[in-house]
Amino acid sequence: MNAMVTAWRDVFRRGRWWPPTLAFDEVQEQRFISATREARFTHFIRSGWVGLLCYNLFCFSESLMAPDVIDEALKIRLLGFTPLAMDVLLISNVARDWVLSWRDGVIEAVVISSAMLAALSLVWILTSSHTEVAPLYRSGLVPILVFGNLVLRFRFKGAVWFTVLILVIYGLSVALHWGRSTPYAAFEIPQFLFVSAIGLYTLVINFRIEMEERRRFQRSESSAAARARLEASQRELDALARRDPLTGVPNRRHLDDYLLQQWQAPGNQGLPLSVLLIDVDHFKAFNDRHGHPAGDQCLTLLAQALARTVGPVQGLLARWGGEEFVAVLPHTTARQAAVVAEGLREAVEALNLRHEAAPLRRVTISVGVATWPADGEPDTLERVLAMADGALYQAKSAGRNCCRMALGHIEAD
């Protein structure tokens, strides 16, 4: 049972004695109805055609049990009920989307009404007949009961109403036939009990069918929720695997995937891609002087400042390793990349982090920039990274705390 609100126990608990119903809580019930509405509608249409065929096969029974009204029976079945039912089935199929938009229960009410009309037509035929065996024809309500509760599979609430109404129609047929002489009067009570028993049995089976359907739905939802949680956990683990645990920025693994994606994306072919290689100046001396915990804090503060600067240009900042970071700037020309590189240098300088072992007594960075396409148009990603590394080497050779472009980039822009 679990979270399922079902049958008698919960009907009584909520003070609803009639009609008994199977239902989830309100939110889950709406999901269940939405998930099953289209399949049930299709089932109703297909079963309706089968039921209409079976309905007309009753003409053979009437030719034997009510031959005195066979002409009227054929008119009722073939010229009355059948065209009406066919129109309903055809229109419902053509206007499928419109019918599916109806309020919950309306479709089922229409189907139940159709089955009730079939039962009433049978009663009219047997009460119009004056043959001795006509009263026995009331057992023809049994196939209608079975068809409604087990073939059409009304919801349990609808099945209860349907069964009760069929028994009322049975009683109506007895009342209309009252006073007529028949050698089969002794069969009236057993026949009523027979029809009632069939109604009860079909209700029990209908209950179990709907219960199992609801359990399958609940299991399906539970499985879907479990899959969603698993996928979320996998995404979270993947995200953690792509983040540098110290600084919180993407790590080398994420950087490699991002670079390859930007490099190979069809929409990026022929557009510039800039790579900025960033190194913290004199970082080994910083660790030796201030200690590794201070070094870790320094890298974290630097990463945050660099990420804030790269973010507005829709690029990616990642930790390359040790005290080195990489910024990838898609669709960024060499001149634009030079501006971003200078902004990164100024952002770190503005932090004013003390570095007693550095000439300027504060933490600074050096930046090497390479852009593709540029003069020579490097044809591999590794070549672009190598050019950025060469530009970084030039920045360090020039005294650090500066930015350098790979040769030819500014002119090519």
Protein backbone atom coordinates (compact mmCIF):
# COMPACT_ATOMS: atom_id res chain seq x y z
CA MET A 1 0.00 0.00 0.00
CA ASN A 2 2.63 2.53 1.14
CA ALA A 3 1.50 6.02 0.13
CA MET A 4 -1.48 4.77 -1.87
CA VAL A 5 -4.83 5.94 -0.55
CA THR A 6 -7.01 2.95 -1.29
CA ALA A 7 -10.48 1.53 -0.92
CA TRP A 8 -12.49 1.04 2.20
CA ARG A 9 -10.02 1.90 4.96
CA ASP A 10 -9.24 5.32 3.55
CA VAL A 11 -12.80 5.89 2.35
CA PHE A 12 -14.02 5.43 5.91
CA ARG A 13 -11.16 7.46 7.35
CA ARG A 14 -12.13 10.41 5.15
CA GLY A 15 -15.78 9.96 5.98
CA ARG A 16 -16.74 9.00 2.43
CA TRP A 17 -18.99 5.99 2.58
CA TRP A 18 -20.46 6.24 -0.90
CA PRO A 19 -19.42 5.66 -3.54
CA PRO A 20 -16.34 3.64 -2.55
CA THR A 21 -13.34 4.67 -4.59
CA LEU A 22 -9.68 4.01 -5.13
CA ALA A 23 -7.51 7.14 -5.10
CA PHE A 24 -4.05 8.46 -4.38
CA ASP A 25 -3.55 11.77 -2.64
CA GLU A 26 -4.76 14.69 -4.76
CA VAL A 27 -1.45 15.54 -6.44
CA GLN A 28 -0.47 11.96 -7.27
CA GLU A 29 -4.03 11.20 -8.39
CA GLN A 30 -3.81 13.96 -10.98
CA ARG A 31 -0.50 12.54 -12.23
CA PHE A 32 -2.07 9.08 -12.43
CA ILE A 33 -5.07 10.37 -14.37
CA SER A 34 -2.87 12.32 -16.77
CA ALA A 35 -0.55 9.36 -17.31
CA THR A 36 -3.36 6.91 -18.07
CA ARG A 37 -5.98 9.11 -19.75
CA GLU A 38 -4.84 8.64 -23.36
CA ALA A 39 -4.33 4.87 -23.06
CA ARG A 40 -7.77 4.46 -21.43
CA PHE A 41 -9.40 6.52 -24.16
CA THR A 42 -7.81 4.33 -26.84
CA HIS A 43 -8.95 1.24 -24.94
CA PHE A 44 -12.51 2.59 -24.75
CA ILE A 45 -12.60 3.23 -28.51
CA ARG A 46 -11.27 -0.21 -29.47
CA SER A 47 -13.41 -2.03 -26.91
CA GLY A 48 -16.41 -0.02 -28.06
CA TRP A 49 -16.17 -1.45 -31.58
CA VAL A 50 -15.87 -4.98 -30.21
CA GLY A 51 -18.77 -4.39 -27.84
CA LEU A 52 -20.94 -3.02 -30.66
CA LEU A 53 -20.33 -6.20 -32.67
CA CYS A 54 -21.24 -8.40 -29.69
CA TYR A 55 -24.30 -6.25 -29.00
CA ASN A 56 -25.67 -6.94 -32.46
CA LEU A 57 -24.96 -10.67 -32.17
CA PHE A 58 -27.75 -10.72 -29.58
CA CYS A 59 -30.15 -10.63 -32.54
CA PHE A 60 -29.64 -14.39 -32.86
CA SER A 61 -30.71 -14.90 -29.22
CA GLU A 62 -33.77 -12.73 -29.75
CA SER A 63 -34.77 -14.71 -32.83
CA LEU A 64 -35.02 -17.74 -30.50
CA MET A 65 -36.25 -16.22 -27.24
CA ALA A 66 -38.38 -13.31 -28.48
CA PRO A 67 -39.31 -14.14 -32.08
CA ASP A 68 -42.55 -12.16 -31.80
CA VAL A 69 -40.65 -8.86 -31.54
CA ILE A 70 -37.66 -9.71 -33.72
CA ASP A 71 -38.49 -6.97 -36.21
CA GLU A 72 -38.64 -4.33 -33.46
CA ALA A 73 -35.44 -5.75 -31.94
CA LEU A 74 -33.58 -5.42 -35.26
CA LYS A 75 -34.77 -1.83 -35.62
CA ILE A 76 -33.65 -0.94 -32.09
CA ARG A 77 -30.28 -2.60 -32.49
CA LEU A 78 -29.37 -1.94 -36.14
CA LEU A 79 -31.22 1.31 -36.82
CA GLY A 80 -31.26 2.89 -33.37
CA PHE A 81 -28.44 2.10 -30.99
CA THR A 82 -25.80 1.01 -33.54
CA PRO A 83 -25.75 4.22 -35.67
CA LEU A 84 -25.70 6.33 -32.50
CA ALA A 85 -22.83 4.33 -31.01
CA MET A 86 -20.89 4.41 -34.29
CA ASP A 87 -21.29 8.19 -34.49
CA VAL A 88 -19.99 8.56 -30.95
CA LEU A 89 -17.01 6.29 -31.63
CA LEU A 90 -16.10 7.96 -34.93
CA ILE A 91 -16.51 11.52 -33.64
CA SER A 92 -14.52 10.70 -30.50
CA ASN A 93 -11.69 9.30 -32.60
CA VAL A 94 -11.63 12.26 -34.99
CA ALA A 95 -11.94 14.85 -32.20
CA ARG A 96 -9.53 12.91 -29.97
CA ASP A 97 -7.66 15.92 -28.57
CA TRP A 98 -10.89 17.74 -27.77
CA VAL A 99 -12.39 14.74 -26.00
CA LEU A 100 -9.18 14.16 -24.02
CA SER A 101 -9.44 17.74 -22.76
CA TRP A 102 -12.71 16.98 -20.98
CA ARG A 103 -12.84 17.06 -17.20
CA ASP A 104 -11.86 13.89 -15.36
CA GLY A 105 -14.63 11.30 -15.31
CA VAL A 106 -16.68 12.80 -18.14
CA ILE A 107 -15.37 10.35 -20.73
CA GLU A 108 -16.10 7.42 -18.44
CA ALA A 109 -19.58 8.77 -17.72
CA VAL A 110 -20.30 8.85 -21.47
CA VAL A 111 -19.11 5.25 -21.86
CA ILE A 112 -21.17 4.10 -18.85
CA SER A 113 -24.23 5.86 -20.32
CA SER A 114 -23.71 4.00 -23.60
CA ALA A 115 -23.57 0.66 -21.77
CA MET A 116 -26.74 1.59 -19.86
CA LEU A 117 -28.54 2.33 -23.14
CA ALA A 118 -27.56 -1.13 -24.37
CA ALA A 119 -29.00 -2.66 -21.20
CA LEU A 120 -32.22 -0.62 -21.49
CA SER A 121 -32.69 -1.68 -25.12
CA LEU A 122 -32.46 -5.33 -24.02
CA VAL A 123 -35.05 -4.73 -21.28
CA TRP A 124 -37.40 -3.03 -23.73
CA ILE A 125 -37.17 -5.99 -26.08
CA LEU A 126 -37.83 -8.62 -23.39
CA THR A 127 -40.73 -6.68 -21.87
CA SER A 128 -42.29 -6.21 -25.32
CA SER A 129 -42.17 -9.95 -25.98
CA HIS A 130 -44.99 -12.21 -24.90
CA THR A 131 -43.13 -15.51 -25.27
CA GLU A 132 -42.93 -17.78 -22.25
CA VAL A 133 -39.11 -17.73 -22.20
CA ALA A 134 -38.77 -13.92 -22.42
CA PRO A 135 -38.23 -13.52 -18.62
CA LEU A 136 -35.18 -15.78 -18.87
CA TYR A 137 -33.71 -13.26 -21.28
CA ARG A 138 -32.86 -11.03 -18.33
CA SER A 139 -29.69 -13.07 -18.01
CA GLY A 140 -28.57 -11.11 -21.08
CA LEU A 141 -27.62 -8.36 -18.62
CA VAL A 142 -24.72 -10.55 -17.48
CA PRO A 143 -22.59 -10.04 -20.64
CA ILE A 144 -23.21 -6.29 -20.32
CA LEU A 145 -22.00 -6.38 -16.70
CA VAL A 146 -18.91 -8.36 -17.65
CA PHE A 147 -18.20 -6.10 -20.60
CA GLY A 148 -18.43 -2.92 -18.52
CA ASN A 149 -16.56 -4.02 -15.42
CA LEU A 150 -13.93 -6.32 -16.95
CA VAL A 151 -13.53 -5.41 -20.63
CA LEU A 152 -14.01 -1.66 -20.53
CA ARG A 153 -12.58 -1.72 -17.00
CA PHE A 154 -14.41 1.25 -15.55
CA ARG A 155 -12.72 2.81 -12.56
CA PHE A 156 -13.92 1.05 -9.43
CA LYS A 157 -16.17 3.96 -8.46
CA GLY A 158 -17.79 3.92 -11.92
CA ALA A 159 -18.04 0.12 -11.85
CA VAL A 160 -19.95 0.25 -8.56
CA TRP A 161 -22.43 2.75 -10.00
CA PHE A 162 -22.72 0.72 -13.21
CA THR A 163 -23.43 -2.51 -11.33
CA VAL A 164 -26.03 -0.88 -9.11
CA LEU A 165 -27.79 0.66 -12.12
CA ILE A 166 -27.80 -2.66 -13.98
CA LEU A 167 -29.49 -4.29 -10.97
CA VAL A 168 -32.01 -1.41 -10.91
CA ILE A 169 -32.72 -2.05 -14.59
CA TYR A 170 -33.15 -5.72 -13.77
CA GLY A 171 -35.71 -4.78 -11.14
CA LEU A 172 -37.43 -2.49 -13.64
CA SER A 173 -37.73 -5.35 -16.11
CA VAL A 174 -39.32 -7.54 -13.41
CA ALA A 175 -41.80 -4.77 -12.58
CA LEU A 176 -42.74 -4.28 -16.24
CA HIS A 177 -43.22 -8.04 -16.61
CA TRP A 178 -45.20 -8.38 -13.38
CA GLY A 179 -48.48 -10.25 -13.63
CA ARG A 180 -47.71 -12.11 -16.84
CA SER A 181 -48.07 -15.84 -16.65
CA THR A 182 -44.87 -17.81 -17.18
CA PRO A 183 -43.86 -21.39 -16.39
CA TYR A 184 -40.47 -20.06 -15.26
CA ALA A 185 -41.65 -17.91 -12.31
CA ALA A 186 -39.61 -20.10 -9.95
CA PHE A 187 -36.44 -18.93 -11.70
CA GLU A 188 -36.97 -15.23 -10.88
CA ILE A 189 -35.14 -15.18 -7.55
CA PRO A 190 -32.30 -17.56 -8.59
CA GLN A 191 -31.84 -15.53 -11.79
CA PHE A 192 -31.66 -12.28 -9.84
CA LEU A 193 -29.15 -13.82 -7.44
CA PHE A 194 -27.17 -15.09 -10.41
CA VAL A 195 -26.97 -11.62 -11.99
CA SER A 196 -26.17 -10.04 -8.60
CA ALA A 197 -23.41 -12.58 -7.95
CA ILE A 198 -21.87 -11.93 -11.36
CA GLY A 199 -22.01 -8.20 -10.58
CA LEU A 200 -20.26 -8.76 -7.25
CA TYR A 201 -17.60 -11.02 -8.76
CA THR A 202 -16.84 -8.57 -11.55
CA LEU A 203 -16.55 -5.77 -9.00
CA VAL A 204 -14.01 -7.76 -7.02
CA ILE A 205 -11.97 -8.43 -10.14
CA ASN A 206 -12.37 -4.82 -11.28
CA PHE A 207 -11.09 -3.69 -7.89
CA ARG A 208 -8.03 -5.91 -8.16
CA ILE A 209 -7.34 -4.79 -11.74
CA GLU A 210 -7.39 -1.12 -10.81
CA MET A 211 -5.39 -1.78 -7.65
CA GLU A 212 -2.68 -3.50 -9.68
CA GLU A 213 -2.71 -0.70 -12.24
CA ARG A 214 -2.20 1.84 -9.48
CA ARG A 215 0.57 -0.24 -7.94
CA ARG A 216 2.32 -0.44 -11.32
CA PHE A 217 2.01 3.32 -11.65
CA GLN A 218 3.40 3.80 -8.16
CA ARG A 219 6.29 1.43 -8.87
CA SER A 220 6.94 3.27 -12.12
CA GLU A 221 7.00 6.61 -10.31
CA SER A 222 9.26 5.19 -7.62
CA SER A 223 11.61 3.80 -10.27
CA ALA A 224 11.59 7.12 -12.14
CA ALA A 225 12.32 8.98 -8.89
CA ALA A 226 15.14 6.56 -8.08
CA ARG A 227 16.60 7.02 -11.57
CA ALA A 228 16.32 10.80 -11.21
CA ARG A 229 18.12 10.66 -7.86
CA LEU A 230 20.80 8.42 -9.32
CA GLU A 231 21.28 10.69 -12.32
CA ALA A 232 21.43 13.72 -10.02
CA SER A 233 24.04 11.97 -7.90
CA GLN A 234 26.03 11.07 -10.99
CA ARG A 235 25.84 14.67 -12.21
CA GLU A 236 26.93 15.87 -8.78
CA LEU A 237 29.82 13.43 -8.69
CA ASP A 238 30.79 14.39 -12.22
CA ALA A 239 30.65 18.07 -11.25
CA LEU A 240 32.82 17.38 -8.21
CA ALA A 241 35.24 15.41 -10.38
CA ARG A 242 35.52 18.45 -12.64
CA ARG A 243 36.18 20.96 -9.85
CA ASP A 244 39.46 21.77 -8.18
CA PRO A 245 38.85 20.95 -4.50
CA LEU A 246 41.05 23.80 -3.24
CA THR A 247 39.98 26.78 -5.34
CA GLY A 248 36.53 25.64 -6.48
CA VAL A 249 37.20 26.49 -10.14
CA PRO A 250 37.12 23.83 -12.90
CA ASN A 251 40.07 21.46 -12.93
CA ARG A 252 42.32 20.16 -15.70
CA ARG A 253 39.85 17.44 -16.70
CA HIS A 254 37.01 19.92 -17.25
CA LEU A 255 39.38 22.30 -19.01
CA ASP A 256 40.52 19.65 -21.49
CA ASP A 257 36.90 18.75 -22.36
CA TYR A 258 35.91 22.41 -22.68
CA LEU A 259 38.85 23.25 -24.90
CA LEU A 260 38.17 20.28 -27.18
CA GLN A 261 34.47 21.15 -27.35
CA GLN A 262 35.16 24.76 -28.29
CA TRP A 263 37.83 23.72 -30.77
CA GLN A 264 35.66 21.16 -32.57
CA ALA A 265 32.26 22.87 -32.40
CA PRO A 266 31.01 23.38 -36.01
CA GLY A 267 29.67 26.83 -35.17
CA ASN A 268 33.08 27.94 -33.94
CA GLN A 269 34.98 27.08 -37.12
CA GLY A 270 36.78 30.18 -38.37
CA LEU A 271 36.05 32.16 -35.18
CA PRO A 272 38.85 33.28 -32.87
CA LEU A 273 39.67 31.36 -29.69
CA SER A 274 42.00 32.88 -27.10
CA VAL A 275 43.87 30.99 -24.41
CA LEU A 276 45.43 32.81 -21.44
CA LEU A 277 48.04 30.95 -19.38
CA ILE A 278 48.38 32.53 -15.91
CA ASP A 279 51.19 31.95 -13.41
CA VAL A 280 51.51 33.30 -9.86
CA ASP A 281 54.84 35.09 -9.58
CA HIS A 282 57.36 33.77 -7.05
CA PHE A 283 54.82 31.39 -5.57
CA LYS A 284 57.37 28.88 -4.27
CA ALA A 285 59.00 31.70 -2.34
CA PHE A 286 55.54 32.65 -0.99
CA ASN A 287 55.03 29.13 0.36
CA ASP A 288 58.52 29.05 1.85
CA ARG A 289 58.01 32.39 3.58
CA HIS A 290 54.34 32.29 4.62
CA GLY A 291 53.66 28.56 4.77
CA HIS A 292 51.54 26.20 2.67
CA PRO A 293 48.20 26.98 4.40
CA ALA A 294 48.70 30.64 3.50
CA GLY A 295 49.65 29.54 0.00
CA ASP A 296 46.41 27.59 -0.34
CA GLN A 297 44.42 30.61 0.86
CA CYS A 298 46.28 32.81 -1.58
CA LEU A 299 45.44 30.53 -4.52
CA THR A 300 41.77 30.46 -3.48
CA LEU A 301 41.54 34.26 -3.34
CA LEU A 302 43.33 34.56 -6.68
CA ALA A 303 41.03 32.01 -8.33
CA GLN A 304 37.96 33.91 -7.15
CA ALA A 305 39.29 37.22 -8.47
CA LEU A 306 40.30 35.69 -11.82
CA ALA A 307 36.93 33.93 -12.20
CA ARG A 308 35.06 37.19 -11.56
CA THR A 309 37.06 38.86 -14.32
CA VAL A 310 36.66 36.04 -16.84
CA GLY A 311 32.94 35.53 -16.13
CA PRO A 312 31.57 38.65 -17.91
CA VAL A 313 33.27 37.66 -21.18
CA GLN A 314 31.63 34.19 -21.01
CA GLY A 315 34.86 32.29 -20.82
CA LEU A 316 36.19 29.55 -18.56
CA LEU A 317 38.80 29.80 -15.84
CA ALA A 318 40.40 26.55 -14.69
CA ARG A 319 43.32 25.50 -12.56
CA TRP A 320 46.06 24.16 -14.77
CA GLY A 321 48.12 22.77 -11.94
CA GLY A 322 50.16 24.08 -9.01
CA GLU A 323 50.11 27.88 -9.16
CA GLU A 324 49.06 28.03 -12.83
CA PHE A 325 45.58 28.83 -14.18
CA VAL A 326 44.16 28.88 -17.70
CA ALA A 327 41.44 31.15 -19.09
CA VAL A 328 39.70 30.10 -22.31
CA LEU A 329 37.88 32.88 -24.17
CA PRO A 330 35.77 31.68 -27.14
CA HIS A 331 35.05 34.15 -29.96
CA THR A 332 37.67 36.55 -28.55
CA THR A 333 40.17 38.29 -30.81
CA ALA A 334 43.81 38.85 -29.87
CA ARG A 335 43.20 42.51 -29.04
CA GLN A 336 40.18 41.65 -26.86
CA ALA A 337 42.18 38.91 -25.15
CA ALA A 338 44.95 41.40 -24.39
CA VAL A 339 42.42 43.63 -22.60
CA VAL A 340 41.12 40.68 -20.57
CA ALA A 341 44.66 39.61 -19.67
CA GLU A 342 45.48 43.08 -18.39
CA GLY A 343 42.22 43.04 -16.42
CA LEU A 344 43.27 39.77 -14.78
CA ARG A 345 46.64 41.22 -13.82
CA GLU A 346 45.02 44.34 -12.34
CA ALA A 347 42.42 42.27 -10.45
CA VAL A 348 45.15 40.29 -8.68
CA GLU A 349 47.16 43.42 -7.98
CA ALA A 350 44.04 45.02 -6.46
CA LEU A 351 43.85 42.21 -3.90
CA ASN A 352 47.04 43.64 -2.38
CA LEU A 353 48.08 40.29 -0.90
CA ARG A 354 51.37 40.61 1.02
CA HIS A 355 54.32 38.66 -0.38
CA GLU A 356 57.41 39.43 1.67
CA ALA A 357 59.64 37.36 -0.62
CA ALA A 358 58.66 39.22 -3.82
CA PRO A 359 60.32 42.40 -5.13
CA LEU A 360 57.01 44.34 -5.01
CA ARG A 361 56.06 42.89 -1.60
CA ARG A 362 52.67 41.78 -2.95
CA VAL A 363 51.28 38.87 -4.98
CA THR A 364 51.27 39.39 -8.76
CA ILE A 365 50.71 37.26 -11.85
CA SER A 366 52.19 36.90 -15.31
CA VAL A 367 49.96 36.13 -18.31
CA GLY A 368 50.72 34.60 -21.70
CA VAL A 369 48.11 34.94 -24.45
CA ALA A 370 47.64 33.00 -27.69
CA THR A 371 44.78 33.39 -30.16
CA TRP A 372 43.63 31.19 -33.03
CA PRO A 373 43.28 31.91 -35.91
CA ALA A 374 46.25 34.23 -36.20
CA ASP A 375 49.35 34.52 -38.38
CA GLY A 376 50.48 31.04 -39.22
CA GLU A 377 47.05 29.60 -38.18
CA PRO A 378 48.15 26.79 -35.86
CA ASP A 379 46.32 23.62 -36.75
CA THR A 380 46.31 21.85 -33.39
CA LEU A 381 45.05 22.72 -29.93
CA GLU A 382 48.37 21.65 -28.45
CA ARG A 383 50.07 24.23 -30.65
CA VAL A 384 47.87 27.03 -29.31
CA LEU A 385 48.64 25.99 -25.73
CA ALA A 386 52.33 25.84 -26.57
CA MET A 387 52.12 29.38 -27.99
CA ALA A 388 50.42 30.61 -24.80
CA ASP A 389 53.15 28.91 -22.74
CA GLY A 390 55.80 30.62 -24.86
CA ALA A 391 54.11 33.99 -24.32
CA LEU A 392 54.04 33.32 -20.55
CA TYR A 393 57.76 32.59 -20.62
CA GLN A 394 58.28 35.96 -22.31
CA ALA A 395 56.24 37.69 -19.59
CA LYS A 396 58.39 36.10 -16.88
CA SER A 397 61.57 36.98 -18.73
CA ALA A 398 60.34 40.56 -18.95
CA GLY A 399 60.27 40.85 -15.15
CA ARG A 400 56.88 39.29 -14.29
CA ASN A 401 53.66 41.14 -13.34
CA CYS A 402 52.91 41.71 -17.03
CA CYS A 403 51.11 40.23 -20.02
CA ARG A 404 52.60 39.09 -23.30
CA MET A 405 50.97 38.04 -26.57
CA ALA A 406 52.18 35.25 -28.83
CA LEU A 407 54.03 36.79 -31.78
CA GLY A 408 51.92 38.29 -34.56
CA HIS A 409 48.58 38.31 -32.72
CA ILE A 410 48.07 42.04 -32.20
CA GLU A 411 49.09 42.77 -35.76
CA ALA A 412 46.81 40.05 -37.09
CA ASP A 413 43.86 41.63 -35.32
